[in-house]
Amino acid sequence: MSQPLKVGDRVRVIGASHESGYRYGDRGTVHRVDETPHGSRYHVAMDKAGGAGTTVIFAAAEIEPDV
């Protein structure tokens, strides 16, 4: 990923996430970004879930900008 994602960015899943149940191409909006020793973790409000309420946590390698 060339530019770090920020709150409000639209993203899409680029690989199956075994923990979240979301698949390639599912989309959402970054709600929060946490920096950890292992890299950034993105809290994403997924469109499939109505986009509100709960968020799903993805590693940077699991999502990309939805442009």
N, C-alpha and C. Protein backbone atom coordinates (compact mmCIF):
# COMPACT_ATOMS: atom_id res chain seq x y z
N MET A 1 0.86 -1.16 0.00
CA MET A 1 0.00 0.00 0.00
C MET A 1 0.91 1.22 0.00
N SER A 2 0.76 2.11 -0.97
CA SER A 2 1.66 3.24 -1.11
C SER A 2 1.38 4.33 -0.07
N GLN A 3 0.16 4.65 0.19
CA GLN A 3 -0.20 5.68 1.17
C GLN A 3 -0.99 5.02 2.29
N PRO A 4 -0.69 5.40 3.54
CA PRO A 4 -1.46 4.82 4.65
C PRO A 4 -2.93 5.24 4.55
N LEU A 5 -3.78 4.34 4.96
CA LEU A 5 -5.20 4.65 4.97
C LEU A 5 -5.51 5.51 6.18
N LYS A 6 -6.57 6.30 6.08
CA LYS A 6 -6.98 7.15 7.19
C LYS A 6 -8.48 7.03 7.41
N VAL A 7 -8.93 7.53 8.54
CA VAL A 7 -10.35 7.49 8.88
C VAL A 7 -11.15 8.15 7.75
N GLY A 8 -12.22 7.50 7.34
CA GLY A 8 -13.08 8.00 6.28
C GLY A 8 -12.77 7.43 4.91
N ASP A 9 -11.60 6.79 4.74
CA ASP A 9 -11.24 6.20 3.45
C ASP A 9 -12.12 4.99 3.15
N ARG A 10 -12.51 4.87 1.89
CA ARG A 10 -13.24 3.69 1.42
C ARG A 10 -12.22 2.61 1.09
N VAL A 11 -12.51 1.38 1.50
CA VAL A 11 -11.59 0.26 1.28
C VAL A 11 -12.35 -0.96 0.79
N ARG A 12 -11.59 -1.91 0.25
CA ARG A 12 -12.16 -3.21 -0.12
C ARG A 12 -11.21 -4.30 0.36
N VAL A 13 -11.79 -5.44 0.66
CA VAL A 13 -11.02 -6.60 1.11
C VAL A 13 -10.30 -7.18 -0.09
N ILE A 14 -9.01 -7.51 0.07
CA ILE A 14 -8.25 -8.07 -1.06
C ILE A 14 -7.90 -9.54 -0.85
N GLY A 15 -8.32 -10.10 0.26
CA GLY A 15 -8.11 -11.52 0.50
C GLY A 15 -9.14 -12.01 1.49
N ALA A 16 -9.43 -13.28 1.45
CA ALA A 16 -10.39 -13.84 2.40
C ALA A 16 -9.84 -13.73 3.81
N SER A 17 -10.61 -13.16 4.70
CA SER A 17 -10.20 -13.03 6.09
C SER A 17 -10.91 -14.13 6.87
N HIS A 18 -10.16 -15.10 7.33
CA HIS A 18 -10.75 -16.26 7.99
C HIS A 18 -11.46 -15.88 9.29
N GLU A 19 -11.05 -14.80 9.92
CA GLU A 19 -11.67 -14.41 11.18
C GLU A 19 -12.93 -13.59 10.98
N SER A 20 -12.95 -12.73 9.99
CA SER A 20 -14.09 -11.82 9.84
C SER A 20 -15.22 -12.40 9.01
N GLY A 21 -14.92 -13.36 8.14
CA GLY A 21 -15.96 -13.90 7.27
C GLY A 21 -16.20 -13.07 6.02
N TYR A 22 -15.42 -12.00 5.85
CA TYR A 22 -15.57 -11.19 4.65
C TYR A 22 -14.65 -11.72 3.56
N ARG A 23 -15.05 -11.45 2.31
CA ARG A 23 -14.34 -12.02 1.17
C ARG A 23 -13.83 -10.94 0.24
N TYR A 24 -13.01 -11.36 -0.71
CA TYR A 24 -12.45 -10.47 -1.71
C TYR A 24 -13.55 -9.60 -2.32
N GLY A 25 -13.30 -8.30 -2.33
CA GLY A 25 -14.23 -7.36 -2.96
C GLY A 25 -15.24 -6.73 -2.02
N ASP A 26 -15.44 -7.29 -0.82
CA ASP A 26 -16.36 -6.66 0.13
C ASP A 26 -15.80 -5.29 0.50
N ARG A 27 -16.71 -4.32 0.68
CA ARG A 27 -16.28 -2.93 0.87
C ARG A 27 -16.75 -2.36 2.20
N GLY A 28 -16.04 -1.30 2.61
CA GLY A 28 -16.40 -0.61 3.84
C GLY A 28 -15.66 0.71 3.96
N THR A 29 -15.80 1.34 5.13
CA THR A 29 -15.18 2.63 5.41
C THR A 29 -14.34 2.53 6.67
N VAL A 30 -13.10 3.05 6.61
CA VAL A 30 -12.22 3.03 7.77
C VAL A 30 -12.83 3.92 8.86
N HIS A 31 -13.00 3.34 10.04
CA HIS A 31 -13.61 4.04 11.17
C HIS A 31 -12.56 4.46 12.20
N ARG A 32 -11.49 3.67 12.32
CA ARG A 32 -10.43 3.95 13.29
C ARG A 32 -9.15 3.25 12.85
N VAL A 33 -8.00 3.83 13.19
CA VAL A 33 -6.70 3.23 12.86
C VAL A 33 -5.90 3.10 14.16
N ASP A 34 -5.42 1.90 14.44
CA ASP A 34 -4.56 1.65 15.60
C ASP A 34 -3.18 1.27 15.10
N GLU A 35 -2.14 1.90 15.66
CA GLU A 35 -0.77 1.55 15.34
C GLU A 35 -0.28 0.54 16.39
N THR A 36 0.27 -0.57 15.94
CA THR A 36 0.78 -1.60 16.83
C THR A 36 2.23 -1.90 16.45
N PRO A 37 2.96 -2.62 17.28
CA PRO A 37 4.33 -3.00 16.91
C PRO A 37 4.38 -3.87 15.65
N HIS A 38 3.24 -4.48 15.31
CA HIS A 38 3.18 -5.36 14.14
C HIS A 38 2.57 -4.68 12.93
N GLY A 39 2.35 -3.38 13.01
CA GLY A 39 1.78 -2.64 11.89
C GLY A 39 0.42 -2.07 12.22
N SER A 40 -0.15 -1.39 11.26
CA SER A 40 -1.45 -0.74 11.45
C SER A 40 -2.59 -1.76 11.45
N ARG A 41 -3.58 -1.48 12.26
CA ARG A 41 -4.82 -2.26 12.28
C ARG A 41 -5.95 -1.29 11.98
N TYR A 42 -6.80 -1.67 11.05
CA TYR A 42 -7.87 -0.80 10.58
C TYR A 42 -9.23 -1.33 11.02
N HIS A 43 -9.98 -0.50 11.71
CA HIS A 43 -11.34 -0.82 12.12
C HIS A 43 -12.26 -0.32 11.01
N VAL A 44 -12.95 -1.24 10.34
CA VAL A 44 -13.71 -0.91 9.15
C VAL A 44 -15.19 -1.22 9.36
N ALA A 45 -16.03 -0.22 9.10
CA ALA A 45 -17.49 -0.42 9.10
C ALA A 45 -17.84 -0.95 7.72
N MET A 46 -18.25 -2.22 7.69
CA MET A 46 -18.48 -2.88 6.41
C MET A 46 -19.87 -2.57 5.86
N ASP A 47 -19.95 -2.34 4.54
CA ASP A 47 -21.23 -2.07 3.89
C ASP A 47 -22.21 -3.22 4.09
N LYS A 48 -21.69 -4.43 4.01
CA LYS A 48 -22.50 -5.64 4.12
C LYS A 48 -23.23 -5.70 5.47
N ALA A 49 -22.65 -5.06 6.49
CA ALA A 49 -23.24 -5.06 7.83
C ALA A 49 -24.07 -3.80 8.07
N GLY A 50 -24.35 -3.06 7.02
CA GLY A 50 -25.13 -1.85 7.16
C GLY A 50 -24.27 -0.61 7.38
N GLY A 51 -22.95 -0.80 7.54
CA GLY A 51 -22.03 0.32 7.67
C GLY A 51 -22.06 1.06 9.00
N ALA A 52 -22.83 0.58 9.94
CA ALA A 52 -22.92 1.27 11.23
C ALA A 52 -22.85 0.26 12.37
N GLY A 53 -22.57 0.77 13.52
CA GLY A 53 -22.54 -0.11 14.69
C GLY A 53 -21.19 -0.75 14.88
N THR A 54 -21.05 -1.99 14.52
CA THR A 54 -19.80 -2.71 14.75
C THR A 54 -18.81 -2.50 13.62
N THR A 55 -17.56 -2.70 13.94
CA THR A 55 -16.50 -2.64 12.94
C THR A 55 -15.74 -3.96 12.94
N VAL A 56 -15.03 -4.20 11.86
CA VAL A 56 -14.20 -5.39 11.71
C VAL A 56 -12.75 -4.90 11.64
N ILE A 57 -11.84 -5.61 12.29
CA ILE A 57 -10.44 -5.20 12.31
C ILE A 57 -9.68 -5.97 11.22
N PHE A 58 -8.98 -5.21 10.38
CA PHE A 58 -8.18 -5.78 9.31
C PHE A 58 -6.74 -5.30 9.44
N ALA A 59 -5.80 -6.15 9.05
CA ALA A 59 -4.41 -5.74 8.89
C ALA A 59 -4.28 -5.03 7.54
N ALA A 60 -3.23 -4.24 7.40
CA ALA A 60 -3.02 -3.48 6.17
C ALA A 60 -2.96 -4.39 4.94
N ALA A 61 -2.43 -5.60 5.09
CA ALA A 61 -2.29 -6.52 3.96
C ALA A 61 -3.63 -7.11 3.50
N GLU A 62 -4.70 -6.92 4.28
CA GLU A 62 -5.98 -7.51 3.95
C GLU A 62 -6.93 -6.57 3.21
N ILE A 63 -6.58 -5.29 3.15
CA ILE A 63 -7.46 -4.30 2.50
C ILE A 63 -6.64 -3.37 1.62
N GLU A 64 -7.36 -2.68 0.72
CA GLU A 64 -6.73 -1.68 -0.13
C GLU A 64 -7.74 -0.56 -0.39
N PRO A 65 -7.25 0.60 -0.83
CA PRO A 65 -8.18 1.70 -1.14
C PRO A 65 -9.17 1.27 -2.22
N ASP A 66 -10.41 1.68 -2.06
CA ASP A 66 -11.45 1.38 -3.06
C ASP A 66 -11.60 2.61 -3.94
N VAL A 67 -10.81 2.63 -5.01
CA VAL A 67 -10.83 3.79 -5.90
C VAL A 67 -11.46 3.47 -7.22
